[in-house]
């Protein structure tokens, strides 16, 4: 099972259940009730949202859950974490720690200031409008718990861009 808890936009809707301290989410913020809108909320339609916990398998074996929260960065973060793991062989922690990039629109992208300069320069030379972002929070926050299919050992990682920790017993 994979689960992402997300209030969205800070503290969600700004409403708190009386006597509990539980903030209600506002994940419906990007949906539209206008039937002509590209993200119209309608039966049988797969409207775009970023409530997308991830789960990875290898062959027919479950490896485990992962997720990168962060609004529209979420699907981009998922792809980057998977590439770091599958294509580059990084551990869960190293896959989360690796510098990230974010597509914004058209050819406009942001890269973390930790991204090697030659990569940002190469993107710029290919016609991308590259901005080096100093604030790491816009690149998502993720966690991973994966079982090594060969050894049956659990391995975890947590985002250095935010609070959190890995605990085991």
N, C-alpha and C. Protein backbone atom coordinates (compact mmCIF):
# COMPACT_ATOMS: atom_id res chain seq x y z
N UNK A 1 0.84 -1.18 0.00
CA UNK A 1 0.00 0.00 0.00
C UNK A 1 0.88 1.23 0.00
N UNK A 2 0.47 2.25 -0.72
CA UNK A 2 1.16 3.53 -0.73
C UNK A 2 0.14 4.62 -0.46
N UNK A 3 0.50 5.57 0.38
CA UNK A 3 -0.43 6.63 0.79
C UNK A 3 0.32 7.94 0.84
N UNK A 4 -0.31 8.98 0.32
CA UNK A 4 0.24 10.33 0.48
C UNK A 4 -0.82 11.15 1.20
N UNK A 5 -0.44 11.71 2.33
CA UNK A 5 -1.30 12.61 3.08
C UNK A 5 -0.97 14.01 2.61
N UNK A 6 -1.95 14.75 2.14
CA UNK A 6 -1.67 16.07 1.60
C UNK A 6 -2.82 17.02 1.89
N UNK A 7 -2.52 18.08 2.59
CA UNK A 7 -3.53 19.12 2.82
C UNK A 7 -3.59 20.09 1.65
N UNK A 8 -2.49 20.27 0.94
CA UNK A 8 -2.35 21.16 -0.20
C UNK A 8 -2.36 22.61 0.26
N UNK A 9 -1.63 23.44 -0.42
CA UNK A 9 -1.58 24.88 -0.18
C UNK A 9 -1.41 25.22 1.31
N UNK A 10 -0.35 24.77 1.91
CA UNK A 10 -0.09 25.11 3.31
C UNK A 10 -0.94 24.29 4.25
N UNK A 11 -1.92 24.91 4.84
CA UNK A 11 -2.78 24.22 5.80
C UNK A 11 -4.12 23.83 5.20
N UNK A 12 -4.13 23.56 3.93
CA UNK A 12 -5.33 23.06 3.27
C UNK A 12 -6.41 24.11 3.15
N UNK A 13 -7.62 23.73 3.52
CA UNK A 13 -8.78 24.61 3.36
C UNK A 13 -8.80 25.75 4.36
N UNK A 14 -7.98 25.65 5.39
CA UNK A 14 -8.01 26.66 6.46
C UNK A 14 -9.06 26.34 7.51
N UNK A 15 -9.80 25.25 7.30
CA UNK A 15 -10.81 24.82 8.26
C UNK A 15 -10.25 23.71 9.13
N UNK A 16 -10.55 23.77 10.41
CA UNK A 16 -10.08 22.76 11.36
C UNK A 16 -11.30 22.14 12.03
N UNK A 17 -11.32 20.82 12.15
CA UNK A 17 -12.42 20.12 12.81
C UNK A 17 -12.40 20.54 14.29
N UNK A 18 -13.49 21.14 14.76
CA UNK A 18 -13.51 21.65 16.14
C UNK A 18 -13.13 20.57 17.17
N UNK A 19 -12.25 20.95 18.09
CA UNK A 19 -11.85 20.07 19.18
C UNK A 19 -10.83 19.01 18.80
N UNK A 20 -10.37 19.00 17.52
CA UNK A 20 -9.43 17.94 17.10
C UNK A 20 -8.08 18.47 16.65
N UNK A 21 -8.04 19.65 16.11
CA UNK A 21 -6.80 20.17 15.54
C UNK A 21 -6.51 19.61 14.16
N UNK A 22 -7.45 18.86 13.58
CA UNK A 22 -7.26 18.25 12.26
C UNK A 22 -7.67 19.26 11.18
N UNK A 23 -6.70 19.64 10.34
CA UNK A 23 -6.97 20.57 9.25
C UNK A 23 -7.56 19.81 8.07
N UNK A 24 -8.62 20.36 7.48
CA UNK A 24 -9.24 19.73 6.32
C UNK A 24 -8.49 20.11 5.05
N UNK A 25 -8.38 19.18 4.15
CA UNK A 25 -7.65 19.40 2.91
C UNK A 25 -8.46 20.24 1.92
N UNK A 26 -7.80 20.73 0.90
CA UNK A 26 -8.47 21.42 -0.20
C UNK A 26 -7.95 20.91 -1.54
N UNK A 27 -7.82 19.60 -1.64
CA UNK A 27 -7.27 18.98 -2.83
C UNK A 27 -8.13 19.21 -4.06
N UNK A 28 -9.36 19.64 -3.89
CA UNK A 28 -10.22 19.92 -5.04
C UNK A 28 -9.98 21.28 -5.65
N UNK A 29 -9.02 22.03 -5.14
CA UNK A 29 -8.77 23.40 -5.57
C UNK A 29 -8.57 23.53 -7.09
N UNK A 30 -7.92 22.58 -7.70
CA UNK A 30 -7.62 22.70 -9.13
C UNK A 30 -8.69 22.12 -10.05
N UNK A 31 -9.75 21.57 -9.49
CA UNK A 31 -10.85 21.08 -10.31
C UNK A 31 -11.77 22.25 -10.66
N UNK A 32 -12.55 22.09 -11.70
CA UNK A 32 -13.48 23.12 -12.11
C UNK A 32 -14.87 22.54 -12.26
N UNK A 33 -15.88 23.33 -11.92
CA UNK A 33 -17.27 22.91 -12.13
C UNK A 33 -17.77 23.34 -13.51
N UNK A 34 -16.93 24.05 -14.27
CA UNK A 34 -17.28 24.48 -15.62
C UNK A 34 -17.07 23.28 -16.55
N UNK A 35 -18.13 22.75 -17.15
CA UNK A 35 -17.98 21.55 -17.99
C UNK A 35 -17.07 21.76 -19.20
N UNK A 36 -16.83 23.00 -19.61
CA UNK A 36 -15.96 23.26 -20.75
C UNK A 36 -14.48 23.35 -20.35
N UNK A 37 -14.21 23.40 -19.06
CA UNK A 37 -12.82 23.52 -18.58
C UNK A 37 -12.09 22.20 -18.76
N UNK A 38 -10.79 22.27 -19.09
CA UNK A 38 -9.99 21.06 -19.31
C UNK A 38 -9.94 20.18 -18.06
N UNK A 39 -10.06 20.77 -16.88
CA UNK A 39 -10.02 20.00 -15.64
C UNK A 39 -11.39 19.99 -14.95
N UNK A 40 -12.43 19.88 -15.76
CA UNK A 40 -13.79 19.82 -15.22
C UNK A 40 -13.97 18.55 -14.40
N UNK A 41 -14.65 18.69 -13.30
CA UNK A 41 -14.96 17.55 -12.45
C UNK A 41 -16.22 16.89 -13.00
N UNK A 42 -16.10 15.67 -13.48
CA UNK A 42 -17.24 14.99 -14.09
C UNK A 42 -17.06 13.49 -13.94
N UNK A 43 -18.19 12.78 -13.88
CA UNK A 43 -18.17 11.34 -13.77
C UNK A 43 -17.48 10.71 -14.96
N UNK A 44 -16.67 9.69 -14.71
CA UNK A 44 -16.00 8.96 -15.77
C UNK A 44 -14.82 9.68 -16.39
N UNK A 45 -14.50 10.87 -15.89
CA UNK A 45 -13.38 11.65 -16.43
C UNK A 45 -12.19 11.55 -15.48
N UNK A 46 -11.01 11.50 -16.02
CA UNK A 46 -9.80 11.45 -15.19
C UNK A 46 -9.19 12.85 -15.12
N UNK A 47 -9.78 13.66 -14.28
CA UNK A 47 -9.28 15.02 -14.11
C UNK A 47 -7.88 15.00 -13.52
N UNK A 48 -7.07 15.98 -13.91
CA UNK A 48 -5.70 16.06 -13.43
C UNK A 48 -5.67 16.49 -11.97
N UNK A 49 -4.92 15.77 -11.18
CA UNK A 49 -4.64 16.15 -9.80
C UNK A 49 -3.29 15.55 -9.44
N UNK A 50 -2.79 15.90 -8.27
CA UNK A 50 -1.48 15.39 -7.88
C UNK A 50 -1.56 14.54 -6.61
N UNK A 51 -2.62 13.80 -6.47
CA UNK A 51 -2.73 12.83 -5.39
C UNK A 51 -2.31 11.48 -5.99
N UNK A 52 -0.99 11.30 -6.08
CA UNK A 52 -0.49 10.14 -6.81
C UNK A 52 0.61 9.43 -6.03
N UNK A 53 0.24 8.69 -4.99
CA UNK A 53 1.27 7.90 -4.32
C UNK A 53 1.83 6.88 -5.31
N UNK A 54 3.10 6.54 -5.13
CA UNK A 54 3.74 5.61 -6.04
C UNK A 54 4.03 4.27 -5.37
N UNK A 55 4.14 3.25 -6.18
CA UNK A 55 4.49 1.91 -5.71
C UNK A 55 5.29 1.24 -6.82
N UNK A 56 6.41 0.68 -6.48
CA UNK A 56 7.27 0.08 -7.49
C UNK A 56 7.30 -1.45 -7.32
N UNK A 57 7.36 -2.12 -8.46
CA UNK A 57 7.49 -3.58 -8.47
C UNK A 57 8.68 -3.94 -9.34
N UNK A 58 9.18 -5.15 -9.14
CA UNK A 58 10.23 -5.68 -10.00
C UNK A 58 9.78 -7.08 -10.39
N UNK A 59 9.55 -7.28 -11.67
CA UNK A 59 8.94 -8.53 -12.10
C UNK A 59 7.54 -8.59 -11.52
N UNK A 60 7.21 -9.67 -10.84
CA UNK A 60 5.92 -9.78 -10.17
C UNK A 60 6.02 -9.56 -8.67
N UNK A 61 7.16 -9.04 -8.21
CA UNK A 61 7.39 -8.86 -6.78
C UNK A 61 7.20 -7.40 -6.37
N UNK A 62 6.49 -7.20 -5.27
CA UNK A 62 6.35 -5.85 -4.72
C UNK A 62 7.68 -5.40 -4.13
N UNK A 63 8.10 -4.20 -4.47
CA UNK A 63 9.31 -3.61 -3.89
C UNK A 63 8.89 -2.64 -2.79
N UNK A 64 7.92 -1.76 -3.08
CA UNK A 64 7.41 -0.92 -2.03
C UNK A 64 6.97 0.46 -2.46
N UNK A 65 6.49 1.23 -1.46
CA UNK A 65 5.92 2.56 -1.72
C UNK A 65 6.99 3.65 -1.79
N UNK A 66 6.63 4.70 -2.50
CA UNK A 66 7.44 5.91 -2.53
C UNK A 66 6.52 7.06 -2.92
N UNK A 67 6.98 8.25 -2.71
CA UNK A 67 6.20 9.40 -3.13
C UNK A 67 7.00 10.67 -3.01
N UNK A 68 6.72 11.58 -3.93
CA UNK A 68 7.29 12.92 -3.88
C UNK A 68 6.12 13.89 -3.89
N UNK A 69 5.88 14.54 -2.77
CA UNK A 69 4.81 15.51 -2.68
C UNK A 69 5.30 16.84 -3.24
N UNK A 70 4.40 17.75 -3.53
CA UNK A 70 4.82 19.06 -3.99
C UNK A 70 4.02 19.61 -5.15
N UNK A 71 2.70 19.41 -5.14
CA UNK A 71 1.85 19.99 -6.17
C UNK A 71 2.24 19.50 -7.55
N UNK A 72 2.43 20.43 -8.47
CA UNK A 72 2.71 20.06 -9.85
C UNK A 72 4.12 19.50 -10.04
N UNK A 73 4.94 19.59 -9.01
CA UNK A 73 6.26 18.96 -9.06
C UNK A 73 6.15 17.45 -8.81
N UNK A 74 5.04 17.01 -8.23
CA UNK A 74 4.91 15.62 -7.80
C UNK A 74 5.16 14.62 -8.92
N UNK A 75 4.47 14.68 -10.07
CA UNK A 75 4.75 13.67 -11.09
C UNK A 75 6.16 13.78 -11.65
N UNK A 76 6.70 15.00 -11.72
CA UNK A 76 8.06 15.19 -12.20
C UNK A 76 9.06 14.60 -11.19
N UNK A 77 8.80 14.79 -9.91
CA UNK A 77 9.65 14.23 -8.86
C UNK A 77 9.62 12.72 -8.87
N UNK A 78 8.43 12.13 -9.10
CA UNK A 78 8.32 10.67 -9.18
C UNK A 78 9.22 10.13 -10.29
N UNK A 79 9.14 10.75 -11.46
CA UNK A 79 9.95 10.29 -12.60
C UNK A 79 11.44 10.41 -12.28
N UNK A 80 11.84 11.52 -11.66
CA UNK A 80 13.25 11.72 -11.37
C UNK A 80 13.76 10.72 -10.33
N UNK A 81 12.95 10.43 -9.31
CA UNK A 81 13.35 9.44 -8.29
C UNK A 81 13.45 8.04 -8.93
N UNK A 82 12.50 7.69 -9.78
CA UNK A 82 12.56 6.39 -10.45
C UNK A 82 13.77 6.29 -11.38
N UNK A 83 14.04 7.36 -12.13
CA UNK A 83 15.23 7.36 -13.00
C UNK A 83 16.50 7.21 -12.17
N UNK A 84 16.56 7.93 -11.06
CA UNK A 84 17.75 7.85 -10.20
C UNK A 84 17.95 6.42 -9.68
N UNK A 85 16.85 5.73 -9.43
CA UNK A 85 16.91 4.37 -8.89
C UNK A 85 17.18 3.34 -9.98
N UNK A 86 16.34 3.34 -10.99
CA UNK A 86 16.39 2.30 -12.02
C UNK A 86 17.54 2.53 -13.01
N UNK A 87 17.65 3.75 -13.52
CA UNK A 87 18.65 4.03 -14.55
C UNK A 87 20.05 4.26 -13.99
N UNK A 88 20.11 4.90 -12.82
CA UNK A 88 21.42 5.27 -12.27
C UNK A 88 21.84 4.43 -11.06
N UNK A 89 20.98 3.50 -10.62
CA UNK A 89 21.33 2.57 -9.56
C UNK A 89 21.55 3.19 -8.18
N UNK A 90 20.90 4.33 -7.91
CA UNK A 90 21.09 4.99 -6.62
C UNK A 90 20.26 4.32 -5.53
N UNK A 91 20.73 4.41 -4.30
CA UNK A 91 19.97 3.94 -3.15
C UNK A 91 18.77 4.85 -2.95
N UNK A 92 17.76 4.43 -2.16
CA UNK A 92 16.63 5.31 -1.91
C UNK A 92 17.04 6.70 -1.40
N UNK A 93 17.97 6.75 -0.46
CA UNK A 93 18.37 8.06 0.07
C UNK A 93 19.07 8.90 -0.99
N UNK A 94 19.98 8.29 -1.74
CA UNK A 94 20.70 9.02 -2.79
C UNK A 94 19.74 9.47 -3.90
N UNK A 95 18.74 8.64 -4.22
CA UNK A 95 17.76 8.99 -5.25
C UNK A 95 16.96 10.22 -4.83
N UNK A 96 16.63 10.32 -3.54
CA UNK A 96 15.90 11.49 -3.04
C UNK A 96 16.80 12.71 -2.94
N UNK A 97 18.05 12.52 -2.57
CA UNK A 97 18.99 13.63 -2.38
C UNK A 97 19.46 14.28 -3.67
N UNK A 98 19.39 13.56 -4.78
CA UNK A 98 19.93 14.06 -6.05
C UNK A 98 19.26 15.38 -6.45
N UNK A 99 20.02 16.28 -7.08
CA UNK A 99 19.45 17.56 -7.53
C UNK A 99 18.29 17.33 -8.50
N UNK A 100 17.32 18.22 -8.45
CA UNK A 100 16.13 18.09 -9.30
C UNK A 100 15.97 19.29 -10.21
N UNK A 101 15.14 19.09 -11.21
CA UNK A 101 14.73 20.14 -12.13
C UNK A 101 13.21 20.14 -12.15
N UNK A 102 12.63 21.23 -12.65
CA UNK A 102 11.17 21.33 -12.73
C UNK A 102 10.77 22.09 -13.99
N UNK A 103 9.96 21.44 -14.82
CA UNK A 103 9.38 22.10 -15.99
C UNK A 103 8.23 22.97 -15.51
N UNK A 104 8.20 24.23 -15.96
CA UNK A 104 7.13 25.16 -15.57
C UNK A 104 6.13 25.37 -16.70
N UNK A 105 6.61 25.75 -17.88
CA UNK A 105 5.76 25.87 -19.07
C UNK A 105 6.65 26.15 -20.27
N UNK A 106 6.15 25.83 -21.42
CA UNK A 106 6.90 26.04 -22.67
C UNK A 106 8.33 25.52 -22.49
N UNK A 107 9.34 26.36 -22.66
CA UNK A 107 10.73 25.94 -22.48
C UNK A 107 11.31 26.48 -21.18
N UNK A 108 10.45 26.90 -20.27
CA UNK A 108 10.89 27.46 -19.00
C UNK A 108 11.02 26.36 -17.95
N UNK A 109 12.23 26.22 -17.42
CA UNK A 109 12.47 25.24 -16.36
C UNK A 109 13.26 25.88 -15.24
N UNK A 110 13.10 25.31 -14.06
CA UNK A 110 13.91 25.70 -12.91
C UNK A 110 14.78 24.51 -12.53
N UNK A 111 15.97 24.80 -12.08
CA UNK A 111 16.86 23.75 -11.59
C UNK A 111 17.32 24.14 -10.19
N UNK A 112 17.59 23.14 -9.38
CA UNK A 112 18.14 23.42 -8.06
C UNK A 112 19.55 23.97 -8.20
N UNK A 113 19.93 24.79 -7.25
CA UNK A 113 21.27 25.38 -7.30
C UNK A 113 22.36 24.32 -7.13
N UNK A 114 22.00 23.11 -6.70
CA UNK A 114 22.97 22.02 -6.55
C UNK A 114 23.19 21.25 -7.85
N UNK A 115 22.36 21.54 -8.87
CA UNK A 115 22.54 20.86 -10.15
C UNK A 115 23.88 21.28 -10.75
N UNK A 116 24.69 20.34 -11.21
CA UNK A 116 25.98 20.72 -11.80
C UNK A 116 25.81 21.78 -12.90
N UNK A 117 26.65 22.79 -12.85
CA UNK A 117 26.56 23.93 -13.75
C UNK A 117 26.54 23.51 -15.22
N UNK A 118 27.36 22.51 -15.58
CA UNK A 118 27.43 22.12 -16.99
C UNK A 118 26.10 21.57 -17.50
N UNK A 119 25.30 20.97 -16.61
CA UNK A 119 23.98 20.47 -17.04
C UNK A 119 23.02 21.62 -17.30
N UNK A 120 23.01 22.60 -16.39
CA UNK A 120 22.16 23.78 -16.60
C UNK A 120 22.59 24.53 -17.86
N UNK A 121 23.89 24.65 -18.06
CA UNK A 121 24.42 25.32 -19.24
C UNK A 121 24.01 24.57 -20.51
N UNK A 122 24.08 23.24 -20.47
CA UNK A 122 23.69 22.44 -21.62
C UNK A 122 22.22 22.61 -21.97
N UNK A 123 21.36 22.68 -20.95
CA UNK A 123 19.93 22.91 -21.20
C UNK A 123 19.71 24.28 -21.84
N UNK A 124 20.43 25.27 -21.34
CA UNK A 124 20.32 26.62 -21.90
C UNK A 124 20.78 26.65 -23.36
N UNK A 125 21.85 25.95 -23.66
CA UNK A 125 22.35 25.90 -25.03
C UNK A 125 21.39 25.20 -25.98
N UNK A 126 20.52 24.35 -25.44
CA UNK A 126 19.52 23.66 -26.28
C UNK A 126 18.23 24.49 -26.40
N UNK A 127 18.25 25.73 -25.87
CA UNK A 127 17.11 26.62 -26.06
C UNK A 127 16.16 26.73 -24.88
N UNK A 128 16.48 26.09 -23.78
CA UNK A 128 15.62 26.19 -22.60
C UNK A 128 15.89 27.48 -21.84
N UNK A 129 14.84 28.05 -21.27
CA UNK A 129 14.96 29.22 -20.41
C UNK A 129 15.17 28.69 -18.99
N UNK A 130 16.42 28.67 -18.54
CA UNK A 130 16.79 28.03 -17.28
C UNK A 130 16.93 29.06 -16.17
N UNK A 131 16.25 28.80 -15.06
CA UNK A 131 16.40 29.61 -13.86
C UNK A 131 16.97 28.72 -12.77
N UNK A 132 17.98 29.21 -12.09
CA UNK A 132 18.53 28.48 -10.95
C UNK A 132 17.77 28.94 -9.72
N UNK A 133 17.05 28.01 -9.12
CA UNK A 133 16.19 28.29 -7.95
C UNK A 133 16.98 28.06 -6.67
N UNK A 134 17.02 29.06 -5.81
CA UNK A 134 17.75 28.93 -4.55
C UNK A 134 16.91 28.26 -3.46
N UNK A 135 15.60 28.27 -3.61
CA UNK A 135 14.70 27.70 -2.60
C UNK A 135 14.43 26.23 -2.92
N UNK A 136 14.91 25.28 -2.09
CA UNK A 136 14.74 23.86 -2.41
C UNK A 136 13.32 23.34 -2.23
N UNK A 137 12.46 24.04 -1.51
CA UNK A 137 11.12 23.52 -1.22
C UNK A 137 10.23 23.41 -2.45
N UNK A 138 10.57 24.09 -3.53
CA UNK A 138 9.73 24.01 -4.72
C UNK A 138 10.00 22.75 -5.54
N UNK A 139 10.92 21.90 -5.09
CA UNK A 139 11.28 20.69 -5.84
C UNK A 139 10.73 19.42 -5.20
N UNK A 140 9.75 19.55 -4.34
CA UNK A 140 9.11 18.39 -3.76
C UNK A 140 9.79 17.87 -2.52
N UNK A 141 9.09 16.97 -1.86
CA UNK A 141 9.58 16.34 -0.64
C UNK A 141 9.13 14.88 -0.69
N UNK A 142 10.07 13.96 -0.54
CA UNK A 142 9.71 12.57 -0.75
C UNK A 142 10.18 11.62 0.34
N UNK A 143 9.59 10.45 0.32
CA UNK A 143 9.98 9.35 1.19
C UNK A 143 9.90 8.05 0.38
N UNK A 144 10.73 7.09 0.80
CA UNK A 144 10.77 5.79 0.13
C UNK A 144 10.93 4.69 1.19
N UNK A 145 10.22 3.58 1.00
CA UNK A 145 10.47 2.35 1.75
C UNK A 145 10.41 1.22 0.73
N UNK A 146 11.56 0.63 0.47
CA UNK A 146 11.62 -0.44 -0.51
C UNK A 146 12.25 -1.68 0.08
N UNK A 147 11.74 -2.83 -0.36
CA UNK A 147 12.29 -4.13 0.04
C UNK A 147 13.19 -4.62 -1.09
N UNK A 148 14.42 -4.94 -0.74
CA UNK A 148 15.34 -5.50 -1.73
C UNK A 148 14.84 -6.90 -2.07
N UNK A 149 14.43 -7.15 -3.33
CA UNK A 149 13.86 -8.46 -3.68
C UNK A 149 14.85 -9.62 -3.51
N UNK A 150 16.15 -9.32 -3.56
CA UNK A 150 17.15 -10.37 -3.44
C UNK A 150 17.43 -10.74 -1.99
N UNK A 151 17.42 -9.76 -1.10
CA UNK A 151 17.80 -10.00 0.30
C UNK A 151 16.62 -9.90 1.27
N UNK A 152 15.48 -9.40 0.81
CA UNK A 152 14.29 -9.19 1.64
C UNK A 152 14.53 -8.14 2.74
N UNK A 153 15.55 -7.32 2.59
CA UNK A 153 15.87 -6.26 3.55
C UNK A 153 15.15 -4.98 3.15
N UNK A 154 14.54 -4.30 4.12
CA UNK A 154 13.90 -3.01 3.87
C UNK A 154 14.95 -1.91 3.87
N UNK A 155 14.84 -1.01 2.91
CA UNK A 155 15.73 0.14 2.79
C UNK A 155 14.84 1.36 2.63
N UNK A 156 15.19 2.45 3.33
CA UNK A 156 14.34 3.64 3.29
C UNK A 156 15.17 4.89 3.07
N UNK A 157 14.49 5.93 2.68
CA UNK A 157 15.11 7.24 2.53
C UNK A 157 14.07 8.29 2.81
N UNK A 158 14.52 9.45 3.26
CA UNK A 158 13.62 10.56 3.50
C UNK A 158 14.25 11.84 2.97
N UNK A 159 13.44 12.73 2.61
CA UNK A 159 13.86 13.95 1.93
C UNK A 159 14.72 14.87 2.79
N UNK A 160 15.83 15.33 2.23
CA UNK A 160 16.65 16.32 2.92
C UNK A 160 16.09 17.72 2.73
N UNK A 161 15.12 17.88 1.83
CA UNK A 161 14.53 19.20 1.57
C UNK A 161 13.46 19.58 2.59
N UNK A 162 13.17 18.70 3.51
CA UNK A 162 12.11 18.97 4.48
C UNK A 162 12.37 18.18 5.76
N UNK A 163 11.48 18.29 6.71
CA UNK A 163 11.64 17.51 7.94
C UNK A 163 11.20 16.07 7.71
N UNK A 164 11.61 15.19 8.56
CA UNK A 164 11.26 13.79 8.45
C UNK A 164 12.44 12.94 8.86
N UNK A 165 12.20 11.67 9.01
CA UNK A 165 13.27 10.77 9.39
C UNK A 165 12.88 9.34 9.13
N UNK A 166 13.88 8.50 9.06
CA UNK A 166 13.67 7.06 8.90
C UNK A 166 13.90 6.43 10.26
N UNK A 167 12.95 5.64 10.72
CA UNK A 167 13.09 4.94 12.00
C UNK A 167 12.87 3.45 11.76
N UNK A 168 13.63 2.64 12.43
CA UNK A 168 13.47 1.19 12.30
C UNK A 168 13.69 0.55 13.66
N UNK A 169 13.29 -0.70 13.76
CA UNK A 169 13.45 -1.42 15.02
C UNK A 169 13.92 -2.82 14.75
